[in-house]
Amino acid sequence: MAKRSHVPVLITWDVDPDRWTTIERRRLALRMAMDLCQEFDVRSTFFVTARYAPEYPDEFQRMQALDQEIGCHGLTHDDDEEYDRMPEATQRVYIEDATGELEAVIGGPVRAFRSPRVKISSTTLQLLAERGYLADSSICSGRLDVLSSNLINTGWLVAPRRPYYPHHAHPFKRGDLSVLEVPVSALAVPFISKALNALGLPAMKALFRLLYAESRHTGKPIVYMSHPTEFILAKGAGERHALRRLLSPSFFSLRRIRTHGFLIRNALLRMCGETLFHNSRQLFAYMASFPDVSFMTMSEYAGHNLADAT
């Protein structure tokens, strides 16, 4: 198969409520993420939890000035917002409210979606298609671990690796829905900031090289997922959070594990926020140094894919 000359790289940010810290610190984290994008001329997608969007007016203004995309990351990100389990009527209300509230704040349309804790169903994708979304990125094809909020998601193991239009009755199969599913990249190990924190920069550079080679042959985009507030974690915060959970029986309830997975995974995080930011900067520089890499937003990629198909 001939090599592709174009390697799409989609940097994505999940802007969660993160009520463990202050709004001032959350705003700082967003500015740090935008600093990275500006330094390396990266156009990315910020998935924002809609209910908390009014807290970031200045940050949204800068995002728009830098031509970043603002996507939807659900309505509240609370424990009850589980799109793999919620009834259709509830999902419809949440998606309508989240989209309307976010569009009212940013003054424009929202066309990209990522569900809280990357949990999705065929119902969700049908509703997103009805609402006019172009893209969803709530599936991590090829990811195999027990440390995510999804525990072992067998659907991720069978989902197509390349972006696809999902089946109306199965989120992990190809079909004819009009919303494009753009999976977060993984080769067993996910291409995400927590993996960078746990495994280190050399491992993530190696993973990028493999994903880059795959993209050159198949055209599959490379999708990286990060959380801005990881840049403001104090040294040892992961270990302290993990210890508190070990001492709290509530964190071992079946319901809690079903929603959040095994939160003890935070004990694997080795870097404080400052170190993670430094390593993220090096990773961005590394990605930008490869020939034919093109940074783009989620909706921009979906739009190109739609144009190519017509």
Protein backbone atom coordinates (compact mmCIF):
# COMPACT_ATOMS: atom_id res chain seq x y z
CA MET A 1 0.00 0.00 0.00
CA ALA A 2 1.33 3.42 -0.93
CA LYS A 3 2.28 5.85 1.79
CA ARG A 4 -0.09 8.74 2.52
CA SER A 5 1.42 12.23 2.37
CA HIS A 6 -0.95 13.68 4.96
CA VAL A 7 -0.88 12.68 8.64
CA PRO A 8 -3.79 14.26 10.57
CA VAL A 9 -3.05 14.80 14.28
CA LEU A 10 -6.02 15.73 16.45
CA ILE A 11 -5.09 17.08 19.89
CA THR A 12 -8.10 16.98 22.20
CA TRP A 13 -8.65 18.37 25.69
CA ASP A 14 -11.33 17.26 28.17
CA VAL A 15 -12.36 20.26 30.27
CA ASP A 16 -13.99 18.52 33.23
CA PRO A 17 -15.56 20.33 36.22
CA ASP A 18 -12.63 19.23 38.44
CA ARG A 19 -14.19 20.60 41.58
CA TRP A 20 -11.17 19.41 43.60
CA THR A 21 -9.49 22.69 42.69
CA THR A 22 -10.49 26.35 42.34
CA ILE A 23 -11.86 28.11 39.28
CA GLU A 24 -8.74 30.29 39.21
CA ARG A 25 -6.57 27.18 38.95
CA ARG A 26 -8.81 25.63 36.29
CA ARG A 27 -8.55 28.80 34.23
CA LEU A 28 -4.77 28.73 34.63
CA ALA A 29 -4.73 25.15 33.36
CA LEU A 30 -6.71 26.15 30.26
CA ARG A 31 -4.27 28.97 29.57
CA MET A 32 -1.37 26.53 29.85
CA ALA A 33 -3.02 24.20 27.33
CA MET A 34 -3.59 27.11 24.96
CA ASP A 35 0.03 28.20 25.39
CA LEU A 36 1.12 24.80 24.06
CA CYS A 37 -1.24 25.08 21.11
CA GLN A 38 -0.05 28.58 20.29
CA GLU A 39 3.65 27.70 20.55
CA PHE A 40 3.41 24.80 18.12
CA ASP A 41 0.67 26.24 15.89
CA VAL A 42 -1.73 23.48 16.92
CA ARG A 43 -5.42 23.68 16.11
CA SER A 44 -7.13 21.45 18.66
CA THR A 45 -10.51 20.66 20.19
CA PHE A 46 -11.48 21.57 23.76
CA PHE A 47 -14.38 19.39 24.95
CA VAL A 48 -16.10 21.49 27.63
CA THR A 49 -18.68 20.37 30.20
CA ALA A 50 -21.56 22.69 29.34
CA ARG A 51 -22.89 23.56 32.80
CA TYR A 52 -19.51 25.07 33.75
CA ALA A 53 -18.87 26.89 30.48
CA PRO A 54 -19.88 30.34 31.86
CA GLU A 55 -16.79 30.18 34.11
CA TYR A 56 -14.42 30.63 31.14
CA PRO A 57 -15.40 33.75 29.12
CA ASP A 58 -11.85 35.05 28.65
CA GLU A 59 -10.48 31.61 27.88
CA PHE A 60 -13.16 30.99 25.24
CA GLN A 61 -12.33 34.32 23.64
CA ARG A 62 -8.69 33.32 23.37
CA MET A 63 -9.60 29.85 22.06
CA GLN A 64 -11.61 31.41 19.29
CA ALA A 65 -8.84 33.91 18.51
CA LEU A 66 -6.42 30.97 18.18
CA ASP A 67 -8.91 29.10 15.95
CA GLN A 68 -9.39 26.29 18.47
CA GLU A 69 -12.62 24.29 18.43
CA ILE A 70 -14.97 24.16 21.42
CA GLY A 71 -16.80 20.84 21.61
CA CYS A 72 -19.30 19.41 24.08
CA HIS A 73 -18.26 17.19 26.99
CA GLY A 74 -21.73 16.50 28.33
CA LEU A 75 -23.92 18.56 30.62
CA THR A 76 -22.65 18.11 34.19
CA HIS A 77 -20.11 15.22 34.17
CA ASP A 78 -21.81 13.97 37.34
CA ASP A 79 -21.99 10.28 38.17
CA ASP A 80 -25.48 9.94 36.72
CA GLU A 81 -24.37 11.12 33.25
CA GLU A 82 -23.54 7.67 31.94
CA TYR A 83 -24.31 7.54 28.22
CA ASP A 84 -23.79 3.80 27.99
CA ARG A 85 -26.69 3.23 30.44
CA MET A 86 -29.00 6.27 30.45
CA PRO A 87 -32.52 5.89 28.98
CA GLU A 88 -33.10 7.52 25.62
CA ALA A 89 -35.40 10.21 27.01
CA THR A 90 -32.82 11.23 29.60
CA GLN A 91 -30.03 11.28 27.05
CA ARG A 92 -32.08 13.48 24.75
CA VAL A 93 -32.64 16.03 27.52
CA TYR A 94 -28.98 16.03 28.52
CA ILE A 95 -27.70 16.42 24.96
CA GLU A 96 -30.21 19.13 24.08
CA ASP A 97 -29.52 21.08 27.26
CA ALA A 98 -25.74 20.69 27.01
CA THR A 99 -25.67 21.77 23.37
CA GLY A 100 -27.97 24.73 23.92
CA GLU A 101 -26.14 25.97 27.00
CA LEU A 102 -22.72 25.68 25.40
CA GLU A 103 -23.80 27.35 22.17
CA ALA A 104 -25.33 30.22 24.13
CA VAL A 105 -22.00 30.83 25.90
CA ILE A 106 -19.68 30.60 22.89
CA GLY A 107 -22.07 32.29 20.46
CA GLY A 108 -21.89 29.65 17.76
CA PRO A 109 -22.62 26.04 16.82
CA VAL A 110 -21.12 23.01 18.58
CA ARG A 111 -20.31 20.15 16.22
CA ALA A 112 -18.03 17.77 18.16
CA PHE A 113 -18.86 15.62 21.19
CA ARG A 114 -17.04 13.48 23.72
CA SER A 115 -19.01 11.85 26.49
CA PRO A 116 -17.96 12.02 30.14
CA ARG A 117 -15.66 9.11 31.00
CA VAL A 118 -15.76 8.16 27.28
CA LYS A 119 -18.90 6.04 27.67
CA ILE A 120 -21.23 5.86 24.69
CA SER A 121 -24.16 3.91 23.24
CA SER A 122 -25.90 3.61 19.90
CA THR A 123 -28.69 5.77 21.34
CA THR A 124 -26.22 8.55 22.05
CA LEU A 125 -24.85 8.47 18.52
CA GLN A 126 -28.35 8.53 17.02
CA LEU A 127 -29.21 11.60 19.11
CA LEU A 128 -25.97 13.34 18.17
CA ALA A 129 -26.69 12.70 14.49
CA GLU A 130 -30.21 14.10 14.89
CA ARG A 131 -28.81 17.19 16.59
CA GLY A 132 -26.44 17.86 13.69
CA TYR A 133 -23.13 16.90 15.28
CA LEU A 134 -20.38 16.12 12.80
CA ALA A 135 -18.12 14.04 15.04
CA ASP A 136 -17.91 12.06 18.25
CA SER A 137 -14.71 10.89 19.93
CA SER A 138 -15.87 8.65 22.79
CA ILE A 139 -14.35 5.34 21.68
CA CYS A 140 -10.76 4.17 22.15
CA SER A 141 -10.32 1.43 19.55
CA GLY A 142 -7.65 -1.10 20.41
CA ARG A 143 -7.27 -0.02 24.04
CA LEU A 144 -6.78 -2.86 26.50
CA ASP A 145 -6.48 -2.03 30.17
CA VAL A 146 -8.36 -2.35 33.43
CA LEU A 147 -7.40 1.09 34.69
CA SER A 148 -9.80 3.29 32.74
CA SER A 149 -13.27 4.32 33.86
CA ASN A 150 -14.55 1.73 31.35
CA LEU A 151 -12.66 -1.14 33.00
CA ILE A 152 -12.29 -3.71 30.17
CA ASN A 153 -14.48 -2.46 27.35
CA THR A 154 -14.79 -5.34 24.88
CA GLY A 155 -16.43 -2.98 22.40
CA TRP A 156 -13.19 -1.05 22.13
CA LEU A 157 -11.42 -4.26 21.12
CA VAL A 158 -13.71 -4.87 18.13
CA ALA A 159 -14.39 -1.27 17.06
CA PRO A 160 -12.82 -0.17 13.75
CA ARG A 161 -9.45 1.53 14.17
CA ARG A 162 -10.12 4.10 11.46
CA PRO A 163 -12.90 6.69 11.80
CA TYR A 164 -16.28 5.31 10.81
CA TYR A 165 -19.95 6.10 10.58
CA PRO A 166 -21.55 3.89 13.27
CA HIS A 167 -24.40 1.44 12.99
CA HIS A 168 -27.71 2.70 14.36
CA ALA A 169 -27.92 -0.26 16.74
CA HIS A 170 -24.26 -0.83 17.63
CA PRO A 171 -21.73 1.89 18.49
CA PHE A 172 -18.75 -0.35 17.72
CA LYS A 173 -19.76 -1.36 14.19
CA ARG A 174 -19.86 0.47 10.88
CA GLY A 175 -23.24 1.68 9.69
CA ASP A 176 -24.97 4.65 8.18
CA LEU A 177 -25.38 7.23 10.96
CA SER A 178 -24.29 10.71 9.87
CA VAL A 179 -22.04 11.45 12.85
CA LEU A 180 -18.42 10.36 12.34
CA GLU A 181 -16.84 8.36 15.16
CA VAL A 182 -13.18 9.39 15.49
CA PRO A 183 -11.52 7.01 17.99
CA VAL A 184 -8.87 8.09 20.48
CA SER A 185 -5.63 6.45 19.35
CA ALA A 186 -4.32 3.32 21.07
CA LEU A 187 -2.14 0.32 20.41
CA ALA A 188 -3.20 -1.53 23.55
CA VAL A 189 -1.69 1.48 25.37
CA PRO A 190 -3.83 4.61 24.89
CA PHE A 191 -2.31 7.78 23.44
CA ILE A 192 -3.35 10.01 26.33
CA SER A 193 -1.74 12.30 28.88
CA LYS A 194 -2.19 9.85 31.75
CA ALA A 195 -0.13 7.31 29.83
CA LEU A 196 2.54 10.00 29.37
CA ASN A 197 2.47 10.59 33.11
CA ALA A 198 2.68 6.91 34.01
CA LEU A 199 5.03 5.59 31.30
CA GLY A 200 7.22 8.60 30.55
CA LEU A 201 8.19 10.58 27.46
CA PRO A 202 10.33 7.94 25.66
CA ALA A 203 7.45 5.44 25.70
CA MET A 204 5.01 8.01 24.31
CA LYS A 205 7.45 9.03 21.59
CA ALA A 206 7.74 5.37 20.61
CA LEU A 207 3.95 5.02 20.57
CA PHE A 208 3.66 8.11 18.38
CA ARG A 209 6.16 6.66 15.90
CA LEU A 210 4.05 3.51 15.57
CA LEU A 211 0.85 5.52 15.15
CA TYR A 212 2.57 7.77 12.61
CA ALA A 213 3.68 4.78 10.56
CA GLU A 214 0.13 3.41 10.65
CA SER A 215 -1.28 6.76 9.53
CA ARG A 216 1.17 7.01 6.63
CA HIS A 217 -0.15 3.69 5.30
CA THR A 218 -3.85 3.89 6.16
CA GLY A 219 -4.69 7.57 6.58
CA LYS A 220 -5.93 6.97 10.11
CA PRO A 221 -5.74 10.18 12.19
CA ILE A 222 -3.70 10.26 15.38
CA VAL A 223 -5.94 11.39 18.25
CA TYR A 224 -4.36 12.47 21.54
CA MET A 225 -6.44 13.08 24.67
CA SER A 226 -5.40 15.24 27.62
CA HIS A 227 -6.93 17.04 30.61
CA PRO A 228 -5.65 20.60 31.19
CA THR A 229 -5.99 20.36 34.98
CA GLU A 230 -3.33 17.63 35.00
CA PHE A 231 -0.88 20.53 34.50
CA ILE A 232 -1.67 21.93 37.95
CA LEU A 233 -1.38 18.76 40.03
CA ALA A 234 0.92 19.15 43.01
CA LYS A 235 3.82 16.76 43.52
CA GLY A 236 2.60 13.51 45.07
CA ALA A 237 -1.07 14.35 44.45
CA GLY A 238 -1.70 11.04 42.67
CA GLU A 239 -0.30 9.00 45.52
CA ARG A 240 -2.25 11.00 48.12
CA HIS A 241 -5.50 10.59 46.19
CA ALA A 242 -4.84 6.86 45.85
CA LEU A 243 -4.12 6.49 49.58
CA ARG A 244 -7.31 8.29 50.55
CA ARG A 245 -9.26 5.94 48.32
CA LEU A 246 -7.59 2.91 49.85
CA LEU A 247 -8.80 4.13 53.23
CA SER A 248 -12.32 4.91 52.05
CA PRO A 249 -14.64 1.89 51.64
CA SER A 250 -17.04 3.97 49.52
CA PHE A 251 -14.52 3.96 46.67
CA PHE A 252 -14.74 0.18 46.46
CA SER A 253 -18.51 0.00 46.08
CA LEU A 254 -19.68 -1.74 42.91
CA ARG A 255 -21.53 1.37 41.79
CA ARG A 256 -18.45 3.55 42.22
CA ILE A 257 -16.25 1.10 40.34
CA ARG A 258 -18.85 0.77 37.57
CA THR A 259 -18.83 4.54 37.10
CA HIS A 260 -15.20 5.47 37.65
CA GLY A 261 -13.23 2.24 37.41
CA PHE A 262 -10.41 1.58 39.86
CA LEU A 263 -9.34 5.02 41.03
CA ILE A 264 -6.29 3.49 42.62
CA ARG A 265 -4.79 3.95 39.13
CA ASN A 266 -3.78 7.46 40.20
CA ALA A 267 -0.98 5.85 42.21
CA LEU A 268 0.70 5.07 38.87
CA LEU A 269 1.04 8.75 37.99
CA ARG A 270 4.67 9.75 38.46
CA MET A 271 4.79 13.39 37.42
CA CYS A 272 3.60 16.55 39.11
CA GLY A 273 1.79 19.07 36.93
CA GLU A 274 4.88 21.11 36.16
CA THR A 275 6.80 18.04 34.99
CA LEU A 276 3.86 16.79 32.94
CA PHE A 277 3.55 20.19 31.24
CA HIS A 278 7.27 20.11 30.41
CA ASN A 279 6.99 16.59 28.99
CA SER A 280 3.82 17.48 27.08
CA ARG A 281 5.68 20.38 25.52
CA GLN A 282 8.44 18.02 24.40
CA LEU A 283 5.90 15.55 23.04
CA PHE A 284 4.15 18.31 21.05
CA ALA A 285 7.50 19.46 19.66
CA TYR A 286 8.31 15.87 18.72
CA MET A 287 5.00 15.38 16.90
CA ALA A 288 5.36 18.71 15.08
CA SER A 289 8.85 17.71 13.84
CA PHE A 290 7.53 14.83 11.69
CA PRO A 291 6.99 15.40 7.96
CA ASP A 292 3.44 15.92 6.71
CA VAL A 293 1.88 16.22 10.18
CA SER A 294 -1.21 18.40 10.03
CA PHE A 295 -2.84 19.51 13.29
CA MET A 296 -6.59 19.97 12.93
CA THR A 297 -9.78 20.13 14.94
CA MET A 298 -12.26 17.29 15.26
CA SER A 299 -14.93 18.99 13.14
CA GLU A 300 -12.39 20.05 10.53
CA TYR A 301 -11.31 16.45 10.14
CA ALA A 302 -14.93 15.25 9.97
CA GLY A 303 -15.68 17.88 7.34
CA HIS A 304 -12.75 16.75 5.18
CA ASN A 305 -13.85 13.12 5.57
CA LEU A 306 -17.39 14.02 4.47
CA ALA A 307 -16.11 15.98 1.48
CA ASP A 308 -13.91 13.06 0.40
CA ALA A 309 -16.89 10.69 0.61
CA THR A 310 -19.12 12.82 -1.64
